[in-house]
PDB file of N, CA and C in Angstrom:
ATOM      1  N   UNK A   1      18.853   2.703   9.309  1.00  0.00           N
ATOM      2  CA  UNK A   1      18.097   3.923   9.060  1.00  0.00           C
ATOM      3  C   UNK A   1      17.782   4.101   7.580  1.00  0.00           C
ATOM      4  N   UNK A   2      18.718   3.708   6.703  1.00  0.00           N
ATOM      5  CA  UNK A   2      18.461   3.885   5.274  1.00  0.00           C
ATOM      6  C   UNK A   2      17.311   3.004   4.792  1.00  0.00           C
ATOM      7  N   UNK A   3      17.067   1.888   5.494  1.00  0.00           N
ATOM      8  CA  UNK A   3      15.939   1.031   5.115  1.00  0.00           C
ATOM      9  C   UNK A   3      14.613   1.764   5.280  1.00  0.00           C
ATOM     10  N   UNK A   4      14.513   2.566   6.342  1.00  0.00           N
ATOM     11  CA  UNK A   4      13.292   3.347   6.565  1.00  0.00           C
ATOM     12  C   UNK A   4      13.102   4.350   5.440  1.00  0.00           C
ATOM     13  N   UNK A   5      14.191   4.983   5.024  1.00  0.00           N
ATOM     14  CA  UNK A   5      14.125   5.923   3.906  1.00  0.00           C
ATOM     15  C   UNK A   5      13.677   5.209   2.632  1.00  0.00           C
ATOM     16  N   UNK A   6      14.207   4.017   2.380  1.00  0.00           N
ATOM     17  CA  UNK A   6      13.812   3.252   1.188  1.00  0.00           C
ATOM     18  C   UNK A   6      12.321   2.930   1.200  1.00  0.00           C
ATOM     19  N   UNK A   7      11.815   2.504   2.370  1.00  0.00           N
ATOM     20  CA  UNK A   7      10.382   2.201   2.486  1.00  0.00           C
ATOM     21  C   UNK A   7       9.563   3.469   2.280  1.00  0.00           C
ATOM     22  N   UNK A   8      10.002   4.579   2.883  1.00  0.00           N
ATOM     23  CA  UNK A   8       9.292   5.848   2.711  1.00  0.00           C
ATOM     24  C   UNK A   8       9.208   6.229   1.238  1.00  0.00           C
ATOM     25  N   UNK A   9      10.320   6.177   0.538  1.00  0.00           N
ATOM     26  CA  UNK A   9      10.349   6.557  -0.885  1.00  0.00           C
ATOM     27  C   UNK A   9       9.449   5.635  -1.705  1.00  0.00           C
ATOM     28  N   UNK A  10       9.518   4.337  -1.452  1.00  0.00           N
ATOM     29  CA  UNK A  10       8.690   3.386  -2.207  1.00  0.00           C
ATOM     30  C   UNK A  10       7.205   3.650  -1.986  1.00  0.00           C
ATOM     31  N   UNK A  11       6.797   3.837  -0.739  1.00  0.00           N
ATOM     32  CA  UNK A  11       5.387   4.091  -0.434  1.00  0.00           C
ATOM     33  C   UNK A  11       4.958   5.446  -0.987  1.00  0.00           C
ATOM     34  N   UNK A  12       5.800   6.463  -0.826  1.00  0.00           N
ATOM     35  CA  UNK A  12       5.479   7.795  -1.330  1.00  0.00           C
ATOM     36  C   UNK A  12       5.234   7.755  -2.836  1.00  0.00           C
ATOM     37  N   UNK A  13       6.133   7.123  -3.578  1.00  0.00           N
ATOM     38  CA  UNK A  13       5.985   7.057  -5.036  1.00  0.00           C
ATOM     39  C   UNK A  13       4.788   6.205  -5.445  1.00  0.00           C
ATOM     40  N   UNK A  14       4.533   5.123  -4.704  1.00  0.00           N
ATOM     41  CA  UNK A  14       3.402   4.250  -5.043  1.00  0.00           C
ATOM     42  C   UNK A  14       2.069   4.948  -4.809  1.00  0.00           C
ATOM     43  N   UNK A  15       2.023   5.851  -3.844  1.00  0.00           N
ATOM     44  CA  UNK A  15       0.764   6.493  -3.483  1.00  0.00           C
ATOM     45  C   UNK A  15       0.464   7.758  -4.281  1.00  0.00           C
ATOM     46  N   UNK A  16       1.431   8.276  -5.026  1.00  0.00           N
ATOM     47  CA  UNK A  16       1.199   9.518  -5.785  1.00  0.00           C
ATOM     48  C   UNK A  16       0.067   9.336  -6.789  1.00  0.00           C
ATOM     49  N   UNK A  17      -0.952  10.156  -6.675  1.00  0.00           N
ATOM     50  CA  UNK A  17      -2.018  10.185  -7.672  1.00  0.00           C
ATOM     51  C   UNK A  17      -2.964   9.000  -7.670  1.00  0.00           C
ATOM     52  N   UNK A  18      -2.962   8.187  -6.625  1.00  0.00           N
ATOM     53  CA  UNK A  18      -3.886   7.051  -6.626  1.00  0.00           C
ATOM     54  C   UNK A  18      -5.256   7.464  -6.074  1.00  0.00           C
ATOM     55  N   UNK A  19      -6.165   6.531  -6.023  1.00  0.00           N
ATOM     56  CA  UNK A  19      -7.523   6.862  -5.592  1.00  0.00           C
ATOM     57  C   UNK A  19      -7.593   7.246  -4.117  1.00  0.00           C
ATOM     58  N   UNK A  20      -6.596   6.864  -3.319  1.00  0.00           N
ATOM     59  CA  UNK A  20      -6.564   7.303  -1.930  1.00  0.00           C
ATOM     60  C   UNK A  20      -6.410   8.819  -1.861  1.00  0.00           C
ATOM     61  N   UNK A  21      -5.555   9.375  -2.709  1.00  0.00           N
ATOM     62  CA  UNK A  21      -5.397  10.825  -2.730  1.00  0.00           C
ATOM     63  C   UNK A  21      -6.674  11.505  -3.197  1.00  0.00           C
ATOM     64  N   UNK A  22      -7.325  10.928  -4.178  1.00  0.00           N
ATOM     65  CA  UNK A  22      -8.575  11.509  -4.668  1.00  0.00           C
ATOM     66  C   UNK A  22      -9.644  11.492  -3.573  1.00  0.00           C
ATOM     67  N   UNK A  23      -9.719  10.401  -2.831  1.00  0.00           N
ATOM     68  CA  UNK A  23     -10.680  10.319  -1.726  1.00  0.00           C
ATOM     69  C   UNK A  23     -10.337  11.343  -0.645  1.00  0.00           C
ATOM     70  N   UNK A  24      -9.045  11.504  -0.353  1.00  0.00           N
ATOM     71  CA  UNK A  24      -8.630  12.490   0.650  1.00  0.00           C
ATOM     72  C   UNK A  24      -9.014  13.897   0.206  1.00  0.00           C
ATOM     73  N   UNK A  25      -8.853  14.195  -1.080  1.00  0.00           N
ATOM     74  CA  UNK A  25      -9.261  15.506  -1.597  1.00  0.00           C
ATOM     75  C   UNK A  25     -10.763  15.723  -1.430  1.00  0.00           C
ATOM     76  N   UNK A  26     -11.539  14.681  -1.721  1.00  0.00           N
ATOM     77  CA  UNK A  26     -12.988  14.791  -1.590  1.00  0.00           C
ATOM     78  C   UNK A  26     -13.382  15.032  -0.129  1.00  0.00           C
ATOM     79  N   UNK A  27     -12.768  14.280   0.778  1.00  0.00           N
ATOM     80  CA  UNK A  27     -13.065  14.483   2.201  1.00  0.00           C
ATOM     81  C   UNK A  27     -12.635  15.865   2.658  1.00  0.00           C
ATOM     82  N   UNK A  28     -11.477  16.331   2.176  1.00  0.00           N
ATOM     83  CA  UNK A  28     -10.989  17.658   2.569  1.00  0.00           C
ATOM     84  C   UNK A  28     -11.940  18.754   2.116  1.00  0.00           C
ATOM     85  N   UNK A  29     -12.544  18.557   0.950  1.00  0.00           N
ATOM     86  CA  UNK A  29     -13.480  19.583   0.467  1.00  0.00           C
ATOM     87  C   UNK A  29     -14.734  19.663   1.343  1.00  0.00           C
ATOM     88  N   UNK A  30     -15.059  18.564   2.009  1.00  0.00           N
ATOM     89  CA  UNK A  30     -16.250  18.536   2.855  1.00  0.00           C
ATOM     90  C   UNK A  30     -15.925  18.811   4.328  1.00  0.00           C
ATOM     91  N   UNK A  31     -14.827  18.235   4.833  1.00  0.00           N
ATOM     92  CA  UNK A  31     -14.534  18.292   6.265  1.00  0.00           C
ATOM     93  C   UNK A  31     -13.339  19.173   6.626  1.00  0.00           C
ATOM     94  N   UNK A  32     -12.637  19.700   5.642  1.00  0.00           N
ATOM     95  CA  UNK A  32     -11.449  20.513   5.915  1.00  0.00           C
ATOM     96  C   UNK A  32     -10.183  19.681   5.827  1.00  0.00           C
ATOM     97  N   UNK A  33      -9.087  20.385   5.545  1.00  0.00           N
ATOM     98  CA  UNK A  33      -7.838  19.670   5.278  1.00  0.00           C
ATOM     99  C   UNK A  33      -7.298  18.947   6.501  1.00  0.00           C
ATOM    100  N   UNK A  34      -7.455  19.510   7.704  1.00  0.00           N
ATOM    101  CA  UNK A  34      -6.872  18.897   8.900  1.00  0.00           C
ATOM    102  C   UNK A  34      -7.539  17.562   9.225  1.00  0.00           C
ATOM    103  N   UNK A  35      -8.871  17.520   9.202  1.00  0.00           N
ATOM    104  CA  UNK A  35      -9.578  16.263   9.495  1.00  0.00           C
ATOM    105  C   UNK A  35      -9.304  15.219   8.414  1.00  0.00           C
ATOM    106  N   UNK A  36      -9.278  15.649   7.152  1.00  0.00           N
ATOM    107  CA  UNK A  36      -8.992  14.714   6.060  1.00  0.00           C
ATOM    108  C   UNK A  36      -7.567  14.172   6.177  1.00  0.00           C
ATOM    109  N   UNK A  37      -6.620  15.043   6.499  1.00  0.00           N
ATOM    110  CA  UNK A  37      -5.229  14.636   6.651  1.00  0.00           C
ATOM    111  C   UNK A  37      -5.070  13.633   7.786  1.00  0.00           C
ATOM    112  N   UNK A  38      -5.638  13.955   8.942  1.00  0.00           N
ATOM    113  CA  UNK A  38      -5.518  13.051  10.090  1.00  0.00           C
ATOM    114  C   UNK A  38      -6.195  11.704   9.823  1.00  0.00           C
ATOM    115  N   UNK A  39      -7.370  11.745   9.207  1.00  0.00           N
ATOM    116  CA  UNK A  39      -8.053  10.492   8.870  1.00  0.00           C
ATOM    117  C   UNK A  39      -7.260   9.660   7.880  1.00  0.00           C
ATOM    118  N   UNK A  40      -6.692  10.318   6.872  1.00  0.00           N
ATOM    119  CA  UNK A  40      -5.903   9.602   5.865  1.00  0.00           C
ATOM    120  C   UNK A  40      -4.642   9.002   6.493  1.00  0.00           C
ATOM    121  N   UNK A  41      -3.982   9.771   7.345  1.00  0.00           N
ATOM    122  CA  UNK A  41      -2.767   9.283   8.010  1.00  0.00           C
ATOM    123  C   UNK A  41      -3.081   8.065   8.873  1.00  0.00           C
ATOM    124  N   UNK A  42      -4.139   8.163   9.673  1.00  0.00           N
ATOM    125  CA  UNK A  42      -4.495   7.040  10.547  1.00  0.00           C
ATOM    126  C   UNK A  42      -4.914   5.814   9.751  1.00  0.00           C
ATOM    127  N   UNK A  43      -5.703   6.036   8.703  1.00  0.00           N
ATOM    128  CA  UNK A  43      -6.130   4.910   7.875  1.00  0.00           C
ATOM    129  C   UNK A  43      -4.959   4.207   7.213  1.00  0.00           C
ATOM    130  N   UNK A  44      -4.069   4.973   6.611  1.00  0.00           N
ATOM    131  CA  UNK A  44      -2.904   4.379   5.958  1.00  0.00           C
ATOM    132  C   UNK A  44      -1.962   3.736   6.968  1.00  0.00           C
ATOM    133  N   UNK A  45      -1.824   4.352   8.134  1.00  0.00           N
ATOM    134  CA  UNK A  45      -0.945   3.784   9.158  1.00  0.00           C
ATOM    135  C   UNK A  45      -1.438   2.410   9.598  1.00  0.00           C
ATOM    136  N   UNK A  46      -2.738   2.280   9.845  1.00  0.00           N
ATOM    137  CA  UNK A  46      -3.265   0.989  10.290  1.00  0.00           C
ATOM    138  C   UNK A  46      -3.212  -0.068   9.201  1.00  0.00           C
ATOM    139  N   UNK A  47      -3.488   0.320   7.963  1.00  0.00           N
ATOM    140  CA  UNK A  47      -3.387  -0.642   6.862  1.00  0.00           C
ATOM    141  C   UNK A  47      -1.946  -1.115   6.704  1.00  0.00           C
ATOM    142  N   UNK A  48      -1.005  -0.186   6.787  1.00  0.00           N
ATOM    143  CA  UNK A  48       0.403  -0.560   6.669  1.00  0.00           C
ATOM    144  C   UNK A  48       0.884  -1.365   7.872  1.00  0.00           C
ATOM    145  N   UNK A  49       0.335  -1.095   9.051  1.00  0.00           N
ATOM    146  CA  UNK A  49       0.666  -1.898  10.227  1.00  0.00           C
ATOM    147  C   UNK A  49       0.248  -3.351  10.004  1.00  0.00           C
ATOM    148  N   UNK A  50      -0.944  -3.545   9.469  1.00  0.00           N
ATOM    149  CA  UNK A  50      -1.413  -4.903   9.175  1.00  0.00           C
ATOM    150  C   UNK A  50      -0.487  -5.556   8.149  1.00  0.00           C
ATOM    151  N   UNK A  51      -0.142  -4.817   7.096  1.00  0.00           N
ATOM    152  CA  UNK A  51       0.753  -5.351   6.070  1.00  0.00           C
ATOM    153  C   UNK A  51       2.116  -5.721   6.630  1.00  0.00           C
ATOM    154  N   UNK A  52       2.663  -4.859   7.485  1.00  0.00           N
ATOM    155  CA  UNK A  52       3.970  -5.137   8.081  1.00  0.00           C
ATOM    156  C   UNK A  52       3.906  -6.361   8.991  1.00  0.00           C
ATOM    157  N   UNK A  53       2.844  -6.465   9.773  1.00  0.00           N
ATOM    158  CA  UNK A  53       2.696  -7.603  10.680  1.00  0.00           C
ATOM    159  C   UNK A  53       2.570  -8.913   9.898  1.00  0.00           C
ATOM    160  N   UNK A  54       1.690  -8.914   8.890  1.00  0.00           N
ATOM    161  CA  UNK A  54       1.504 -10.122   8.077  1.00  0.00           C
ATOM    162  C   UNK A  54       2.795 -10.466   7.331  1.00  0.00           C
ATOM    163  N   UNK A  55       3.456  -9.440   6.774  1.00  0.00           N
ATOM    164  CA  UNK A  55       4.711  -9.678   6.072  1.00  0.00           C
ATOM    165  C   UNK A  55       5.780 -10.271   6.974  1.00  0.00           C
ATOM    166  N   UNK A  56       5.851  -9.805   8.204  1.00  0.00           N
ATOM    167  CA  UNK A  56       6.811 -10.335   9.172  1.00  0.00           C
ATOM    168  C   UNK A  56       6.528 -11.808   9.448  1.00  0.00           C
ATOM    169  N   UNK A  57       5.255 -12.141   9.622  1.00  0.00           N
ATOM    170  CA  UNK A  57       4.882 -13.535   9.900  1.00  0.00           C
ATOM    171  C   UNK A  57       5.157 -14.434   8.689  1.00  0.00           C
ATOM    172  N   UNK A  58       4.855 -13.923   7.493  1.00  0.00           N
ATOM    173  CA  UNK A  58       5.147 -14.697   6.283  1.00  0.00           C
ATOM    174  C   UNK A  58       6.648 -14.890   6.144  1.00  0.00           C
ATOM    175  N   UNK A  59       7.419 -13.838   6.460  1.00  0.00           N
ATOM    176  CA  UNK A  59       8.878 -13.924   6.395  1.00  0.00           C
ATOM    177  C   UNK A  59       9.453 -14.958   7.353  1.00  0.00           C
ATOM    178  N   UNK A  60       8.783 -15.147   8.489  1.00  0.00           N
ATOM    179  CA  UNK A  60       9.221 -16.168   9.439  1.00  0.00           C
ATOM    180  C   UNK A  60       8.903 -17.573   8.947  1.00  0.00           C
ATOM    181  N   UNK A  61       7.845 -17.706   8.136  1.00  0.00           N
ATOM    182  CA  UNK A  61       7.369 -19.029   7.738  1.00  0.00           C
ATOM    183  C   UNK A  61       7.917 -19.508   6.395  1.00  0.00           C
ATOM    184  N   UNK A  62       8.304 -18.573   5.509  1.00  0.00           N
ATOM    185  CA  UNK A  62       8.720 -18.958   4.161  1.00  0.00           C
ATOM    186  C   UNK A  62      10.077 -18.359   3.818  1.00  0.00           C
ATOM    187  N   UNK A  63      10.842 -19.057   2.963  1.00  0.00           N
ATOM    188  CA  UNK A  63      12.102 -18.478   2.490  1.00  0.00           C
ATOM    189  C   UNK A  63      11.839 -17.250   1.606  1.00  0.00           C
ATOM    190  N   UNK A  64      12.769 -16.308   1.610  1.00  0.00           N
ATOM    191  CA  UNK A  64      12.617 -15.061   0.862  1.00  0.00           C
ATOM    192  C   UNK A  64      12.416 -15.320  -0.630  1.00  0.00           C
ATOM    193  N   UNK A  65      13.080 -16.308  -1.180  1.00  0.00           N
ATOM    194  CA  UNK A  65      12.932 -16.618  -2.603  1.00  0.00           C
ATOM    195  C   UNK A  65      11.491 -17.011  -2.935  1.00  0.00           C
ATOM    196  N   UNK A  66      10.848 -17.770  -2.082  1.00  0.00           N
ATOM    197  CA  UNK A  66       9.452 -18.176  -2.295  1.00  0.00           C
ATOM    198  C   UNK A  66       8.537 -16.951  -2.215  1.00  0.00           C
ATOM    199  N   UNK A  67       8.815 -16.061  -1.279  1.00  0.00           N
ATOM    200  CA  UNK A  67       8.009 -14.838  -1.140  1.00  0.00           C
ATOM    201  C   UNK A  67       8.138 -13.981  -2.394  1.00  0.00           C
ATOM    202  N   UNK A  68       9.358 -13.805  -2.900  1.00  0.00           N
ATOM    203  CA  UNK A  68       9.567 -13.014  -4.116  1.00  0.00           C
ATOM    204  C   UNK A  68       8.843 -13.613  -5.308  1.00  0.00           C
ATOM    205  N   UNK A  69       8.954 -14.913  -5.488  1.00  0.00           N
ATOM    206  CA  UNK A  69       8.278 -15.568  -6.610  1.00  0.00           C
ATOM    207  C   UNK A  69       6.761 -15.487  -6.468  1.00  0.00           C
ATOM    208  N   UNK A  70       6.265 -15.674  -5.260  1.00  0.00           N
ATOM    209  CA  UNK A  70       4.823 -15.570  -5.025  1.00  0.00           C
ATOM    210  C   UNK A  70       4.301 -14.167  -5.296  1.00  0.00           C
ATOM    211  N   UNK A  71       5.041 -13.164  -4.845  1.00  0.00           N
ATOM    212  CA  UNK A  71       4.639 -11.778  -5.090  1.00  0.00           C
ATOM    213  C   UNK A  71       4.647 -11.479  -6.587  1.00  0.00           C
ATOM    214  N   UNK A  72       5.662 -11.955  -7.289  1.00  0.00           N
ATOM    215  CA  UNK A  72       5.727 -11.756  -8.740  1.00  0.00           C
ATOM    216  C   UNK A  72       4.550 -12.397  -9.450  1.00  0.00           C
ATOM    217  N   UNK A  73       4.211 -13.608  -9.053  1.00  0.00           N
ATOM    218  CA  UNK A  73       3.070 -14.291  -9.663  1.00  0.00           C
ATOM    219  C   UNK A  73       1.757 -13.558  -9.381  1.00  0.00           C
ATOM    220  N   UNK A  74       1.606 -13.037  -8.178  1.00  0.00           N
ATOM    221  CA  UNK A  74       0.394 -12.277  -7.860  1.00  0.00           C
ATOM    222  C   UNK A  74       0.287 -11.010  -8.699  1.00  0.00           C
ATOM    223  N   UNK A  75       1.405 -10.301  -8.876  1.00  0.00           N
ATOM    224  CA  UNK A  75       1.383  -9.106  -9.719  1.00  0.00           C
ATOM    225  C   UNK A  75       1.017  -9.450 -11.157  1.00  0.00           C
ATOM    226  N   UNK A  76       1.569 -10.536 -11.658  1.00  0.00           N
ATOM    227  CA  UNK A  76       1.230 -10.976 -13.025  1.00  0.00           C
ATOM    228  C   UNK A  76      -0.248 -11.324 -13.110  1.00  0.00           C
ATOM    229  N   UNK A  77      -0.754 -12.074 -12.139  1.00  0.00           N
ATOM    230  CA  UNK A  77      -2.169 -12.456 -12.122  1.00  0.00           C
ATOM    231  C   UNK A  77      -3.073 -11.230 -12.079  1.00  0.00           C
ATOM    232  N   UNK A  78      -2.760 -10.278 -11.194  1.00  0.00           N
ATOM    233  CA  UNK A  78      -3.570  -9.058 -11.122  1.00  0.00           C
ATOM    234  C   UNK A  78      -3.519  -8.278 -12.431  1.00  0.00           C
ATOM    235  N   UNK A  79      -2.352  -8.223 -13.058  1.00  0.00           N
ATOM    236  CA  UNK A  79      -2.218  -7.540 -14.346  1.00  0.00           C
ATOM    237  C   UNK A  79      -3.089  -8.180 -15.415  1.00  0.00           C
ATOM    238  N   UNK A  80      -3.072  -9.504 -15.475  1.00  0.00           N
ATOM    239  CA  UNK A  80      -3.895 -10.225 -16.458  1.00  0.00           C
ATOM    240  C   UNK A  80      -5.381  -9.978 -16.191  1.00  0.00           C
ATOM    241  N   UNK A  81      -5.774 -10.049 -14.925  1.00  0.00           N
ATOM    242  CA  UNK A  81      -7.176  -9.810 -14.568  1.00  0.00           C
ATOM    243  C   UNK A  81      -7.592  -8.390 -14.933  1.00  0.00           C
ATOM    244  N   UNK A  82      -6.697  -7.421 -14.734  1.00  0.00           N
ATOM    245  CA  UNK A  82      -7.031  -6.045 -15.078  1.00  0.00           C
ATOM    246  C   UNK A  82      -7.152  -5.871 -16.604  1.00  0.00           C
ATOM    247  N   UNK A  83      -6.288  -6.519 -17.337  1.00  0.00           N
ATOM    248  CA  UNK A  83      -6.344  -6.433 -18.807  1.00  0.00           C
ATOM    249  C   UNK A  83      -7.695  -6.919 -19.314  1.00  0.00           C
ATOM    250  N   UNK A  84      -8.184  -8.005 -18.735  1.00  0.00           N
ATOM    251  CA  UNK A  84      -9.447  -8.566 -19.192  1.00  0.00           C
ATOM    252  C   UNK A  84     -10.669  -8.018 -18.444  1.00  0.00           C
ATOM    253  N   UNK A  85     -10.468  -6.989 -17.650  1.00  0.00           N
ATOM    254  CA  UNK A  85     -11.572  -6.319 -16.978  1.00  0.00           C
ATOM    255  C   UNK A  85     -12.234  -7.125 -15.884  1.00  0.00           C
ATOM    256  N   UNK A  86     -11.509  -8.058 -15.310  1.00  0.00           N
ATOM    257  CA  UNK A  86     -12.069  -8.896 -14.244  1.00  0.00           C
ATOM    258  C   UNK A  86     -11.707  -8.387 -12.851  1.00  0.00           C
ATOM    259  N   UNK A  87     -10.963  -7.296 -12.800  1.00  0.00           N
ATOM    260  CA  UNK A  87     -10.542  -6.779 -11.495  1.00  0.00           C
ATOM    261  C   UNK A  87     -10.763  -5.293 -11.445  1.00  0.00           C
TER     262      UNK A  87
END
């Protein structure tokens, strides 16, 4: 059960103030808070479902150490691309 809490906290903190929230605010101003909330929840749920499914399959195919190193390299690559305005 604590693993679910850890995932919730990580996702909650990662999503604070990002462009998804800004888009939800824009939709809420046009369509109302309930429709914007439900749309945002469904959209994020399906995206996270895809991520969880793909992550599970990758976890079955690769050792955890390789996944950690690959994720670290991707974060570094994205950071470099953002610094140089390529992303």
